[in-house]
Protein backbone atom coordinates (compact mmCIF):
# COMPACT_ATOMS: atom_id res chain seq x y z
CA MET A 1 10.92 4.56 -16.30
CA ARG A 2 8.74 2.36 -14.09
CA ASN A 3 7.48 4.09 -10.95
CA LEU A 4 6.77 1.83 -7.99
CA GLN A 5 7.06 2.27 -4.25
CA VAL A 6 7.74 -0.75 -2.03
CA ILE A 7 6.66 -0.29 1.58
CA VAL A 8 7.81 -2.89 4.11
CA ILE A 9 5.58 -3.27 7.16
CA GLY A 10 5.40 -5.66 10.10
CA TYR A 11 5.67 -5.46 13.88
CA GLY A 12 9.12 -5.54 15.45
CA ARG A 13 11.52 -8.49 15.20
CA CYS A 14 9.74 -10.11 12.26
CA GLY A 15 12.38 -9.66 9.56
CA THR A 16 11.58 -6.25 8.11
CA SER A 17 15.27 -5.32 7.97
CA MET A 18 16.11 -8.62 6.33
CA VAL A 19 13.44 -8.08 3.68
CA ALA A 20 14.53 -4.48 3.13
CA GLY A 21 18.05 -5.76 2.58
CA VAL A 22 16.84 -8.32 0.05
CA LEU A 23 14.87 -5.64 -1.80
CA ASP A 24 17.95 -3.45 -1.84
CA LYS A 25 19.96 -6.26 -3.44
CA LEU A 26 17.17 -6.88 -5.97
CA GLY A 27 17.48 -3.29 -7.15
CA VAL A 28 14.93 -1.36 -5.11
CA GLU A 29 16.27 1.98 -3.86
CA MET A 30 15.51 1.56 -0.18
CA MET A 31 15.84 4.57 2.10
CA ARG A 32 19.22 3.91 3.70
CA GLY A 33 21.17 5.67 6.41
CA GLU A 34 22.64 9.12 5.92
CA LEU A 35 25.93 7.63 4.71
CA ASN A 36 24.03 5.48 2.20
CA GLU A 37 24.74 2.36 4.20
CA PRO A 38 22.39 0.26 6.33
CA ILE A 39 22.55 1.36 9.96
CA LYS A 40 23.70 -1.72 11.90
CA GLU A 41 23.60 -2.49 15.60
CA SER A 42 24.52 -5.60 17.52
CA ASN A 43 20.96 -6.93 17.58
CA ASN A 44 20.25 -6.35 13.88
CA VAL A 45 22.65 -8.17 11.57
CA TYR A 46 21.04 -6.86 8.37
CA GLY A 47 21.08 -3.16 9.23
CA TYR A 48 17.98 -1.04 9.58
CA PHE A 49 17.71 0.54 6.12
CA GLN A 50 16.22 3.64 7.70
CA HIS A 51 17.15 7.19 6.72
CA GLY A 52 16.95 9.44 9.76
CA ASP A 53 15.38 12.46 8.07
CA PHE A 54 12.83 10.33 6.22
CA HIS A 55 11.78 8.39 9.29
CA LYS A 56 11.41 11.47 11.47
CA MET A 57 8.16 12.00 9.56
CA PHE A 58 6.61 9.17 11.52
CA GLU A 59 7.27 10.87 14.86
CA GLY A 60 4.99 13.86 14.25
CA SER A 61 1.30 14.48 13.67
CA LYS A 62 -0.66 13.32 10.63
CA LYS A 63 -0.62 16.91 9.37
CA GLN A 64 3.17 17.05 9.61
CA PHE A 65 3.46 13.64 7.99
CA ASP A 66 1.26 14.75 5.11
CA LYS A 67 3.43 17.80 4.53
CA GLU A 68 6.70 15.85 4.61
CA LEU A 69 5.52 12.91 2.49
CA SER A 70 4.26 15.32 -0.16
CA LYS A 71 7.92 16.18 -0.86
CA TYR A 72 8.37 12.66 -2.24
CA LYS A 73 5.32 12.65 -4.52
CA ASP A 74 7.40 13.26 -7.63
CA LYS A 75 10.18 10.81 -6.77
CA LYS A 76 10.58 8.51 -9.76
CA GLY A 77 11.77 4.95 -10.23
CA LEU A 78 11.71 1.85 -8.09
CA TRP A 79 12.16 2.86 -4.48
CA GLY A 80 10.73 2.27 -1.05
CA TRP A 81 11.10 2.29 2.69
CA LYS A 82 10.79 0.09 5.76
CA GLU A 83 8.60 1.43 8.54
CA PRO A 84 6.03 -0.50 10.61
CA ARG A 85 4.14 2.71 11.36
CA SER A 86 3.33 3.19 7.69
CA ILE A 87 0.09 1.35 8.39
CA GLU A 88 -1.05 4.37 10.43
CA HIS A 89 -0.68 6.68 7.43
CA MET A 90 -2.41 4.86 4.61
CA SER A 91 -4.50 7.86 3.55
CA GLU A 92 -1.40 10.00 3.07
CA ILE A 93 0.47 7.19 1.32
CA PHE A 94 -2.31 6.69 -1.20
CA LYS A 95 -2.61 10.43 -1.62
CA TYR A 96 1.00 10.94 -2.71
CA MET A 97 2.38 7.57 -3.84
CA SER A 98 1.48 6.63 -7.41
CA ASN A 99 1.97 2.85 -7.21
CA PRO A 100 2.48 1.56 -3.64
CA HIS A 101 3.21 -2.14 -3.11
CA PHE A 102 3.21 -3.48 0.44
CA VAL A 103 5.35 -6.28 1.88
CA TRP A 104 3.93 -7.56 5.17
CA CYS A 105 6.58 -9.38 7.18
CA LYS A 106 5.44 -12.06 9.61
CA ARG A 107 7.07 -14.44 12.06
CA ASN A 108 6.12 -17.34 14.31
CA THR A 109 4.08 -15.58 17.00
CA ASP A 110 5.81 -17.01 20.05
CA ASN A 111 9.30 -16.44 18.63
CA GLN A 112 8.41 -12.86 17.70
CA ILE A 113 7.00 -12.06 21.12
CA GLN A 114 10.01 -13.53 22.92
CA SER A 115 12.40 -11.65 20.65
CA MET A 116 10.50 -8.39 21.21
CA ARG A 117 10.54 -8.87 24.96
CA TYR A 118 14.31 -9.37 24.99
CA HIS A 119 15.60 -7.01 22.29
CA VAL A 120 13.05 -4.18 22.43
CA PHE A 121 11.64 -4.13 25.94
CA GLY A 122 14.56 -5.57 27.88
CA ASN A 123 12.35 -8.25 29.45
CA LYS A 124 10.48 -5.49 31.33
CA LEU A 125 7.08 -6.30 29.84
CA HIS A 126 5.00 -9.41 30.41
CA TYR A 127 4.59 -11.84 27.52
CA LEU A 128 0.85 -11.11 27.30
CA GLN A 129 1.44 -7.35 27.07
CA VAL A 130 3.69 -7.77 24.06
CA ALA A 131 1.27 -10.29 22.59
CA GLN A 132 -1.48 -7.67 22.79
CA PHE A 133 0.70 -5.10 21.00
CA LEU A 134 1.29 -7.62 18.21
CA ASP A 135 -2.40 -8.52 17.97
CA ASP A 136 -3.39 -4.86 17.77
CA TYR A 137 -0.87 -4.21 15.01
CA ASN A 138 -1.91 -7.22 12.95
CA ASP A 139 -5.59 -6.30 13.37
CA GLN A 140 -4.80 -2.85 12.01
CA VAL A 141 -3.04 -4.31 8.98
CA GLU A 142 -5.90 -6.70 8.28
CA LYS A 143 -8.40 -3.86 8.56
CA GLU A 144 -6.50 -1.88 5.95
CA ILE A 145 -6.33 -4.93 3.68
CA LEU A 146 -10.11 -5.31 3.90
CA ASN A 147 -10.79 -1.60 3.35
CA ARG A 148 -8.42 -1.07 0.44
CA ASP A 149 -7.42 -2.91 -2.69
CA LEU A 150 -3.81 -3.29 -1.58
CA LYS A 151 -1.05 -4.69 -3.73
CA LEU A 152 0.38 -6.84 -0.98
CA ILE A 153 2.53 -9.89 -0.38
CA SER A 154 3.24 -11.61 2.94
CA VAL A 155 6.76 -12.83 3.70
CA LYS A 156 7.24 -15.31 6.54
CA PHE A 157 10.50 -14.92 8.44
CA GLU A 158 11.05 -18.64 9.00
CA ARG A 159 10.40 -19.51 5.36
CA MET A 160 12.88 -16.90 4.19
CA LEU A 161 15.60 -18.39 6.40
CA LYS A 162 14.79 -21.99 5.48
CA ASN A 163 14.46 -21.55 1.71
CA PRO A 164 15.65 -18.09 0.66
CA THR A 165 15.72 -18.85 -3.06
CA VAL A 166 12.02 -19.68 -3.21
CA GLU A 167 10.93 -16.78 -1.02
CA ILE A 168 13.14 -14.22 -2.76
CA GLN A 169 11.77 -15.44 -6.10
CA ARG A 170 8.24 -14.76 -4.82
CA LEU A 171 9.26 -11.31 -3.68
CA ALA A 172 11.04 -10.51 -6.95
CA GLU A 173 8.03 -11.59 -9.02
CA PHE A 174 5.75 -9.40 -6.90
CA ILE A 175 7.59 -6.29 -8.10
CA ASP A 176 8.55 -7.73 -11.50
CA LEU A 177 12.29 -8.05 -10.90
CA LYS A 178 14.74 -10.86 -11.54
CA ILE A 179 16.24 -12.77 -8.64
CA ASN A 180 20.01 -12.50 -8.23
CA ASN A 181 22.74 -14.17 -6.19
CA ASP A 182 23.45 -11.03 -4.17
CA ALA A 183 19.97 -11.20 -2.65
CA ILE A 184 20.32 -14.90 -1.84
CA ASP A 185 23.84 -14.43 -0.46
CA LEU A 186 22.56 -11.74 1.92
CA ILE A 187 20.54 -14.40 3.74
CA ASP A 188 23.11 -17.19 3.47
CA ASP A 189 25.99 -15.01 4.66
CA THR A 190 24.17 -13.68 7.72
CA LEU A 191 22.52 -16.89 8.94
CA PRO A 192 25.36 -17.78 11.36
CA LEU A 193 25.20 -14.27 12.83
CA PHE A 194 21.43 -14.29 13.04
CA TYR A 195 21.18 -17.48 15.04
CA LYS A 196 23.41 -15.93 17.69
CA LYS A 197 21.17 -12.86 18.04
CA THR A 198 17.52 -13.90 17.70
């Protein structure tokens, strides 16, 4: 059995849920909700693909995170999770994960900032404040890329929406899987919903 962990990162509103959904359709066991279904809300048409117990690890200290992540060190197969804060725990991830592959989701900067302001901060923060948050996050990712030999692919939100077949093929090849219609249909079927809720 091939053991590989796929970790989806990227600051908010950049398509991490969309990519997690595509990975799920490609055959990666993503950490879903407690009922084994993506947790959906009105502003996220793909669902969050976040298991409550698993993602509580990211709320505590590094010591607590280390202890909790160690419980997954023997988990076999092709599996992964979606969590932007994973970038803050790279030492622990490399300590316990045997073969981590990272998917860095990106989006047009202005569109991402505007979407964050509306959906996450309720238009209570100035554009430049959110822009600084995004810059700080991306700087942290780039620092980790420079400091470690990461197995990493970048996925651009706009490219995925415009040409899902090409982008999903890239993603599938990155983790040595075959593309399938279910993954493509996930994007095609939700495009009308997405454009109402950007």
